[in-house]
Amino acid sequence: MFDIGWSELLVIAIVAIVVVGPKELPKLMRTFGHYAGKLRRAASDFQRQFEAAVAESEADEVRKNIESIRAGLDTSILDKPVMLPKQENTSPPQAVGPPAMAPVPVVSKPPKRAPAKTKAKPAKHRKTQAKS
C-alpha cells in the first residue's frame, strides 16, 4: 500500500530530529506508536466485522436457496442419500495370483559424449626439506 524505503525513513528521521529536537523525539515516537496501534486495531476490527457480514449474507443466501428448492420440489427427494454405494461386479471371478504386468518398453540410452579436451595444468612441485 505505502511504498516507503529506508532512504525515505532516514529523511523523515532527520527532519523529525531537526524540527522536534532530540529531547522531545522519544515522547513523539511513543505518541505516534500509540496512535498507530489504535489505527491498526480499528482496521482489524472493521475487517473482522466486514468478513462476518459477508459470511452471514452468504449463509442467508444458501438458506434461501435451500428453502426455495424445498418449496418447489418433493421433499422425499432430499431424504435420499446423494451418493449411492458401488454395485457389486457381476463378471465371473478371475484366477487368483499375482497381477499380470504390462511389458515395459526398452528405451535405449543416448550415446556417451567424449569428454571435452582441457589443457593440462602444470604440476606444482614442492621443495622438500630434510628435517634435522
Protein backbone atom coordinates (compact mmCIF):
# COMPACT_ATOMS: atom_id res chain seq x y z
CA MET A 1 0.00 0.00 0.00
CA PHE A 2 2.58 2.56 1.11
CA ASP A 3 5.94 2.15 -0.55
CA ILE A 4 8.39 3.73 1.87
CA GLY A 5 12.00 2.66 1.61
CA TRP A 6 14.87 3.04 4.05
CA SER A 7 16.10 6.22 2.40
CA GLU A 8 12.70 7.90 2.91
CA LEU A 9 12.62 6.79 6.55
CA LEU A 10 16.09 8.25 7.08
CA VAL A 11 14.99 11.60 5.63
CA ILE A 12 11.89 11.59 7.84
CA ALA A 13 14.00 10.80 10.92
CA ILE A 14 16.47 13.62 10.18
CA VAL A 15 13.64 16.12 9.62
CA ALA A 16 11.95 14.97 12.85
CA ILE A 17 15.17 15.45 14.84
CA VAL A 18 15.69 18.92 13.38
CA VAL A 19 12.06 20.06 13.79
CA VAL A 20 11.13 18.44 17.11
CA GLY A 21 14.52 18.21 18.74
CA PRO A 22 16.34 15.25 20.24
CA LYS A 23 14.85 15.75 23.72
CA GLU A 24 11.21 15.57 22.61
CA LEU A 25 11.68 12.84 19.95
CA PRO A 26 11.15 9.81 22.26
CA LYS A 27 7.87 11.24 23.53
CA LEU A 28 6.76 11.98 19.95
CA MET A 29 7.63 8.44 18.80
CA ARG A 30 5.78 6.92 21.78
CA THR A 31 2.68 9.01 20.96
CA PHE A 32 2.95 8.07 17.28
CA GLY A 33 3.22 4.36 18.16
CA HIS A 34 0.20 4.64 20.45
CA TYR A 35 -1.98 6.13 17.71
CA ALA A 36 -0.63 3.73 15.08
CA GLY A 37 -1.67 0.82 17.32
CA LYS A 38 -5.14 2.28 17.75
CA LEU A 39 -5.44 2.68 13.99
CA ARG A 40 -4.36 -0.94 13.37
CA ARG A 41 -6.83 -2.27 15.95
CA ALA A 42 -9.65 -0.25 14.38
CA ALA A 43 -8.73 -1.51 10.90
CA SER A 44 -8.61 -5.15 12.02
CA ASP A 45 -11.94 -4.75 13.86
CA PHE A 46 -13.52 -3.26 10.74
CA GLN A 47 -12.13 -6.10 8.62
CA ARG A 48 -13.44 -8.72 11.08
CA GLN A 49 -16.93 -7.16 11.05
CA PHE A 50 -16.90 -6.95 7.25
CA GLU A 51 -15.90 -10.63 6.90
CA ALA A 52 -18.60 -11.66 9.39
CA ALA A 53 -21.23 -9.71 7.42
CA VAL A 54 -20.12 -11.34 4.16
CA ALA A 55 -20.22 -14.81 5.74
CA GLU A 56 -23.68 -14.12 7.19
CA SER A 57 -25.04 -12.87 3.85
CA GLU A 58 -23.65 -15.97 2.12
CA ALA A 59 -25.27 -18.19 4.77
CA ASP A 60 -28.59 -16.35 4.30
CA GLU A 61 -28.31 -16.81 0.54
CA VAL A 62 -27.66 -20.56 0.89
CA ARG A 63 -30.54 -20.87 3.36
CA LYS A 64 -32.91 -19.09 0.92
CA ASN A 65 -31.79 -21.36 -1.94
CA ILE A 66 -32.47 -24.47 0.13
CA GLU A 67 -35.90 -23.18 1.14
CA SER A 68 -36.79 -22.40 -2.49
CA ILE A 69 -35.71 -25.90 -3.54
CA ARG A 70 -37.80 -27.48 -0.79
CA ALA A 71 -40.84 -25.37 -1.74
CA GLY A 72 -40.57 -26.27 -5.43
CA LEU A 73 -39.70 -29.97 -5.14
CA ASP A 74 -40.92 -33.07 -3.41
CA THR A 75 -39.13 -33.25 -0.04
CA SER A 76 -38.77 -37.03 -0.31
CA ILE A 77 -36.02 -36.42 -2.90
CA LEU A 78 -33.96 -34.61 -0.29
CA ASP A 79 -34.23 -37.54 2.14
CA LYS A 80 -32.43 -39.95 -0.21
CA PRO A 81 -28.65 -40.25 0.01
CA VAL A 82 -26.76 -38.23 -2.52
CA MET A 83 -24.05 -40.80 -3.14
CA LEU A 84 -25.03 -44.42 -3.53
CA PRO A 85 -22.62 -47.28 -2.76
CA LYS A 86 -20.95 -49.03 -5.67
CA GLN A 87 -22.81 -52.00 -7.06
CA GLU A 88 -21.19 -55.41 -6.99
CA ASN A 89 -19.36 -56.52 -10.14
CA THR A 90 -21.35 -59.29 -11.85
CA SER A 91 -18.44 -60.53 -14.01
CA PRO A 92 -17.13 -64.07 -13.37
CA PRO A 93 -14.34 -64.37 -10.80
CA GLN A 94 -10.78 -64.32 -12.13
CA ALA A 95 -7.96 -66.65 -11.24
CA VAL A 96 -6.13 -65.83 -8.03
CA GLY A 97 -2.48 -64.91 -8.42
CA PRO A 98 -0.17 -62.01 -8.92
CA PRO A 99 -1.45 -59.35 -11.27
CA ALA A 100 -0.22 -59.52 -14.82
CA MET A 101 2.34 -56.88 -15.61
CA ALA A 102 2.35 -54.95 -18.85
CA PRO A 103 5.56 -55.18 -20.85
CA VAL A 104 7.93 -52.32 -20.20
CA PRO A 105 9.25 -50.64 -23.36
CA VAL A 106 13.01 -50.68 -23.71
CA VAL A 107 14.49 -47.26 -24.06
CA SER A 108 17.95 -47.05 -25.48
CA LYS A 109 20.38 -44.74 -23.74
CA PRO A 110 21.85 -41.88 -25.75
CA PRO A 111 25.49 -42.41 -26.75
CA LYS A 112 28.06 -41.11 -24.30
CA ARG A 113 29.83 -37.95 -25.31
CA ALA A 114 33.57 -37.78 -25.36
CA PRO A 115 34.94 -35.63 -22.56
CA ALA A 116 35.92 -32.14 -23.58
CA LYS A 117 39.63 -31.60 -24.03
CA THR A 118 41.16 -29.42 -21.39
CA LYS A 119 44.60 -28.01 -21.05
CA ALA A 120 46.75 -29.96 -18.68
CA LYS A 121 47.78 -27.89 -15.71
CA PRO A 122 51.45 -27.96 -14.83
CA ALA A 123 52.18 -29.93 -11.71
CA LYS A 124 53.21 -27.87 -8.73
CA HIS A 125 56.38 -29.15 -7.17
CA ARG A 126 57.08 -28.72 -3.53
CA LYS A 127 60.54 -28.35 -2.31
CA THR A 128 61.11 -30.85 0.36
CA GLN A 129 63.42 -30.01 3.16
CA ALA A 130 65.08 -32.59 5.23
CA LYS A 131 64.27 -32.38 8.84
CA SER A 132 67.31 -32.09 11.01
